[in-house]
Each structure stands twice: as C-alpha cells, then as structure tokens.
Amino acid sequence: MIDRKIRVIIAKPGLDGHDRGAKVVARALRDAGMEVIYTGLRQTPDMIAESALQEDVDVVGLSVLSGAHMALLPAIAQKLKEADMKHVLLVVGGIIPDADFEPLKQAGVHGVFTPGASTTEIVTFIRENVTLED
C-alpha cells in the first residue's frame, strides 16, 4: 500500500465564470485529507492536461456550468490520454443532463456529479476509484 495523499486538480474549463461550487468541492477534498490544487477559471483543455501532468495528479476534477461539457470534457479526456495519463480519474460536476452521462463516460469521464450531490459522495467516489501508483 502506498502511503501518500491523493492529489487532485480542480479546474473550470471554458468560459464559465462561476466557481463557488468548485471551491466548495476543493475545500471538502482538502478537509478529507487530499492534496488539492485549484487552477482557477477559464482553463483550456491543454492547460488542464498540462497542469495535471506537471502536478502528477491522481484526479482531475472539473466544474462545468456553461453547457459546453460535450465539447470540453472529451477534449480534456483525449489530452490526458495523449499525455499517457490514462490512470488519472476524471470527474465532473455541474449542470449536465442525464442523457449526456453515458456519452461522457464513453469519452473517458469516470464520474458525473450534478447539483445536489453531496461532497461526501464525491470524496467516497474518489477514494473508491483512484489508483495510487509509485
């Protein structure tokens, strides 16, 4: 067993300027003992993948409220794949219609959390699904 904290990047892709939810989740993950890096607003898929690579994270958490999730999330999943980061857990929270869950999962998103999801649910999902490597 590897004795280290789970490393998480929280990012806001696209032009969405509302980040309260991302900050709430970032704080909950930190309070749960994870190491959290918040990259801020208006991140591009390239910026998110590069940050994930540089920070050697286990999880990329995204917050999308703009409706651009079907364009942004597959692009981010692809960038992570190209950077040989297939082991990274990719999760998203925000305004995402139920009909988009399966296409997002097929594109490489591991978990989708909509309004009303508890931070405990998010923490549990990450702990149960992240694979810590040396």
C-alpha atoms as a PDB file:
ATOM      1  CA  MET A   1       0.000   0.000   0.000  1.00  0.00           C
ATOM      2  CA  ILE A   2       1.285   3.449  -0.893  1.00  0.00           C
ATOM      3  CA  ASP A   3       1.209   5.931   1.960  1.00  0.00           C
ATOM      4  CA  ARG A   4       0.593   9.300   0.334  1.00  0.00           C
ATOM      5  CA  LYS A   5      -2.236  11.738  -0.158  1.00  0.00           C
ATOM      6  CA  ILE A   6      -4.471  11.600  -3.201  1.00  0.00           C
ATOM      7  CA  ARG A   7      -3.514  14.550  -5.439  1.00  0.00           C
ATOM      8  CA  VAL A   8      -6.381  16.386  -7.152  1.00  0.00           C
ATOM      9  CA  ILE A   9      -6.590  19.268  -9.598  1.00  0.00           C
ATOM     10  CA  ILE A  10      -9.854  21.208  -9.643  1.00  0.00           C
ATOM     11  CA  ALA A  11     -10.364  23.257 -12.811  1.00  0.00           C
ATOM     12  CA  LYS A  12     -13.014  25.354 -14.523  1.00  0.00           C
ATOM     13  CA  PRO A  13     -12.791  24.703 -18.275  1.00  0.00           C
ATOM     14  CA  GLY A  14     -14.174  27.083 -20.849  1.00  0.00           C
ATOM     15  CA  LEU A  15     -15.682  30.499 -20.398  1.00  0.00           C
ATOM     16  CA  ASP A  16     -17.815  29.725 -17.347  1.00  0.00           C
ATOM     17  CA  GLY A  17     -17.079  32.341 -14.679  1.00  0.00           C
ATOM     18  CA  HIS A  18     -18.920  30.831 -11.706  1.00  0.00           C
ATOM     19  CA  ASP A  19     -16.608  28.906  -9.362  1.00  0.00           C
ATOM     20  CA  ARG A  20     -18.294  28.718  -5.959  1.00  0.00           C
ATOM     21  CA  GLY A  21     -19.122  25.017  -6.376  1.00  0.00           C
ATOM     22  CA  ALA A  22     -15.570  24.198  -7.470  1.00  0.00           C
ATOM     23  CA  LYS A  23     -14.211  25.948  -4.389  1.00  0.00           C
ATOM     24  CA  VAL A  24     -16.651  24.120  -2.094  1.00  0.00           C
ATOM     25  CA  VAL A  25     -15.599  20.765  -3.551  1.00  0.00           C
ATOM     26  CA  ALA A  26     -11.900  21.711  -3.377  1.00  0.00           C
ATOM     27  CA  ARG A  27     -12.251  22.533   0.297  1.00  0.00           C
ATOM     28  CA  ALA A  28     -14.172  19.319   1.037  1.00  0.00           C
ATOM     29  CA  LEU A  29     -11.494  17.228  -0.668  1.00  0.00           C
ATOM     30  CA  ARG A  30      -8.778  19.054   1.271  1.00  0.00           C
ATOM     31  CA  ASP A  31     -10.685  18.527   4.519  1.00  0.00           C
ATOM     32  CA  ALA A  32     -10.905  14.824   3.628  1.00  0.00           C
ATOM     33  CA  GLY A  33      -7.101  14.668   3.555  1.00  0.00           C
ATOM     34  CA  MET A  34      -6.443  15.065  -0.159  1.00  0.00           C
ATOM     35  CA  GLU A  35      -3.906  17.438  -1.661  1.00  0.00           C
ATOM     36  CA  VAL A  36      -5.851  19.882  -3.840  1.00  0.00           C
ATOM     37  CA  ILE A  37      -4.641  22.308  -6.487  1.00  0.00           C
ATOM     38  CA  TYR A  38      -7.210  24.795  -7.792  1.00  0.00           C
ATOM     39  CA  THR A  39      -6.220  26.079 -11.238  1.00  0.00           C
ATOM     40  CA  GLY A  40      -8.852  28.793 -11.499  1.00  0.00           C
ATOM     41  CA  LEU A  41     -11.258  29.978 -14.149  1.00  0.00           C
ATOM     42  CA  ARG A  42     -11.201  29.817 -17.936  1.00  0.00           C
ATOM     43  CA  GLN A  43      -8.852  26.878 -18.374  1.00  0.00           C
ATOM     44  CA  THR A  44      -8.390  25.297 -21.801  1.00  0.00           C
ATOM     45  CA  PRO A  45      -8.138  21.518 -22.273  1.00  0.00           C
ATOM     46  CA  ASP A  46      -4.398  21.953 -22.982  1.00  0.00           C
ATOM     47  CA  MET A  47      -3.896  23.987 -19.804  1.00  0.00           C
ATOM     48  CA  ILE A  48      -5.736  21.409 -17.686  1.00  0.00           C
ATOM     49  CA  ALA A  49      -3.826  18.448 -19.126  1.00  0.00           C
ATOM     50  CA  GLU A  50      -0.503  20.270 -18.731  1.00  0.00           C
ATOM     51  CA  SER A  51      -1.283  21.160 -15.108  1.00  0.00           C
ATOM     52  CA  ALA A  52      -2.301  17.575 -14.385  1.00  0.00           C
ATOM     53  CA  LEU A  53       0.958  16.312 -15.868  1.00  0.00           C
ATOM     54  CA  GLN A  54       3.149  18.857 -14.076  1.00  0.00           C
ATOM     55  CA  GLU A  55       1.438  18.295 -10.730  1.00  0.00           C
ATOM     56  CA  ASP A  56       1.442  14.483 -11.131  1.00  0.00           C
ATOM     57  CA  VAL A  57      -2.170  14.196 -10.004  1.00  0.00           C
ATOM     58  CA  ASP A  58      -4.373  11.184  -9.414  1.00  0.00           C
ATOM     59  CA  VAL A  59      -7.636  13.026 -10.119  1.00  0.00           C
ATOM     60  CA  VAL A  60      -8.780  15.811 -12.425  1.00  0.00           C
ATOM     61  CA  GLY A  61     -11.993  17.372 -11.147  1.00  0.00           C
ATOM     62  CA  LEU A  62     -13.861  19.724 -13.440  1.00  0.00           C
ATOM     63  CA  SER A  63     -16.757  22.070 -12.843  1.00  0.00           C
ATOM     64  CA  VAL A  64     -18.879  22.942 -15.869  1.00  0.00           C
ATOM     65  CA  LEU A  65     -21.980  25.105 -15.695  1.00  0.00           C
ATOM     66  CA  SER A  66     -21.810  26.649 -19.169  1.00  0.00           C
ATOM     67  CA  GLY A  67     -23.381  23.837 -21.183  1.00  0.00           C
ATOM     68  CA  ALA A  68     -20.136  23.228 -23.096  1.00  0.00           C
ATOM     69  CA  HIS A  69     -19.420  19.909 -21.359  1.00  0.00           C
ATOM     70  CA  MET A  70     -19.912  17.782 -24.507  1.00  0.00           C
ATOM     71  CA  ALA A  71     -17.195  19.765 -26.297  1.00  0.00           C
ATOM     72  CA  LEU A  72     -14.780  20.367 -23.427  1.00  0.00           C
ATOM     73  CA  LEU A  73     -14.778  17.083 -21.493  1.00  0.00           C
ATOM     74  CA  PRO A  74     -13.981  14.712 -24.385  1.00  0.00           C
ATOM     75  CA  ALA A  75     -11.182  17.102 -25.407  1.00  0.00           C
ATOM     76  CA  ILE A  76      -9.730  17.041 -21.883  1.00  0.00           C
ATOM     77  CA  ALA A  77     -10.017  13.234 -21.696  1.00  0.00           C
ATOM     78  CA  GLN A  78      -8.201  12.996 -25.034  1.00  0.00           C
ATOM     79  CA  LYS A  79      -5.424  15.355 -23.869  1.00  0.00           C
ATOM     80  CA  LEU A  80      -4.910  13.258 -20.733  1.00  0.00           C
ATOM     81  CA  LYS A  81      -4.755  10.121 -22.852  1.00  0.00           C
ATOM     82  CA  GLU A  82      -2.200  11.722 -25.198  1.00  0.00           C
ATOM     83  CA  ALA A  83      -0.086  12.675 -22.155  1.00  0.00           C
ATOM     84  CA  ASP A  84      -0.104   8.988 -21.079  1.00  0.00           C
ATOM     85  CA  MET A  85      -2.263   9.814 -18.063  1.00  0.00           C
ATOM     86  CA  LYS A  86      -4.904   7.132 -18.585  1.00  0.00           C
ATOM     87  CA  HIS A  87      -4.634   6.213 -14.872  1.00  0.00           C
ATOM     88  CA  VAL A  88      -5.950   9.655 -13.845  1.00  0.00           C
ATOM     89  CA  LEU A  89      -9.525   9.648 -12.591  1.00  0.00           C
ATOM     90  CA  LEU A  90     -11.570  12.253 -14.467  1.00  0.00           C
ATOM     91  CA  VAL A  91     -14.658  13.570 -12.669  1.00  0.00           C
ATOM     92  CA  VAL A  92     -17.033  16.432 -13.425  1.00  0.00           C
ATOM     93  CA  GLY A  93     -19.660  18.336 -11.553  1.00  0.00           C
ATOM     94  CA  GLY A  94     -22.176  20.832 -12.797  1.00  0.00           C
ATOM     95  CA  ILE A  95     -25.244  21.247 -14.934  1.00  0.00           C
ATOM     96  CA  ILE A  96     -25.164  18.081 -17.026  1.00  0.00           C
ATOM     97  CA  PRO A  97     -28.296  16.442 -18.433  1.00  0.00           C
ATOM     98  CA  ASP A  98     -28.821  12.758 -17.645  1.00  0.00           C
ATOM     99  CA  ALA A  99     -28.766  11.963 -21.377  1.00  0.00           C
ATOM    100  CA  ASP A 100     -25.136  13.126 -21.532  1.00  0.00           C
ATOM    101  CA  PHE A 101     -23.821  10.854 -18.757  1.00  0.00           C
ATOM    102  CA  GLU A 102     -23.224   7.800 -20.947  1.00  0.00           C
ATOM    103  CA  PRO A 103     -21.582   9.672 -23.859  1.00  0.00           C
ATOM    104  CA  LEU A 104     -19.293  11.402 -21.348  1.00  0.00           C
ATOM    105  CA  LYS A 105     -18.348   8.083 -19.751  1.00  0.00           C
ATOM    106  CA  GLN A 106     -17.622   6.633 -23.184  1.00  0.00           C
ATOM    107  CA  ALA A 107     -15.390   9.654 -23.845  1.00  0.00           C
ATOM    108  CA  GLY A 108     -13.355   8.954 -20.688  1.00  0.00           C
ATOM    109  CA  VAL A 109     -15.163  10.695 -17.822  1.00  0.00           C
ATOM    110  CA  HIS A 110     -15.297   8.392 -14.798  1.00  0.00           C
ATOM    111  CA  GLY A 111     -17.792  10.197 -12.589  1.00  0.00           C
ATOM    112  CA  VAL A 112     -20.529  12.790 -13.112  1.00  0.00           C
ATOM    113  CA  PHE A 113     -21.978  14.767 -10.206  1.00  0.00           C
ATOM    114  CA  THR A 114     -24.968  17.064 -10.658  1.00  0.00           C
ATOM    115  CA  PRO A 115     -26.436  19.705  -8.333  1.00  0.00           C
ATOM    116  CA  GLY A 116     -27.489  18.081  -5.098  1.00  0.00           C
ATOM    117  CA  ALA A 117     -24.585  15.648  -4.977  1.00  0.00           C
ATOM    118  CA  SER A 118     -23.011  15.759  -1.550  1.00  0.00           C
ATOM    119  CA  THR A 119     -19.334  16.392  -1.004  1.00  0.00           C
ATOM    120  CA  THR A 120     -19.278  13.127   0.962  1.00  0.00           C
ATOM    121  CA  GLU A 121     -20.480  11.312  -2.165  1.00  0.00           C
ATOM    122  CA  ILE A 122     -17.681  12.912  -4.212  1.00  0.00           C
ATOM    123  CA  VAL A 123     -14.999  12.095  -1.610  1.00  0.00           C
ATOM    124  CA  THR A 124     -16.208   8.490  -1.403  1.00  0.00           C
ATOM    125  CA  PHE A 125     -16.243   8.088  -5.188  1.00  0.00           C
ATOM    126  CA  ILE A 126     -12.683   9.368  -5.464  1.00  0.00           C
ATOM    127  CA  ARG A 127     -11.380   7.192  -2.633  1.00  0.00           C
ATOM    128  CA  GLU A 128     -13.039   4.093  -4.098  1.00  0.00           C
ATOM    129  CA  ASN A 129     -11.871   4.698  -7.667  1.00  0.00           C
ATOM    130  CA  VAL A 130      -8.440   6.299  -7.559  1.00  0.00           C
ATOM    131  CA  THR A 131      -5.433   4.054  -8.079  1.00  0.00           C
ATOM    132  CA  LEU A 132      -2.322   5.292  -6.291  1.00  0.00           C
ATOM    133  CA  GLU A 133       0.873   4.428  -8.119  1.00  0.00           C
ATOM    134  CA  ASP A 134       4.536   4.848  -7.200  1.00  0.00           C
END
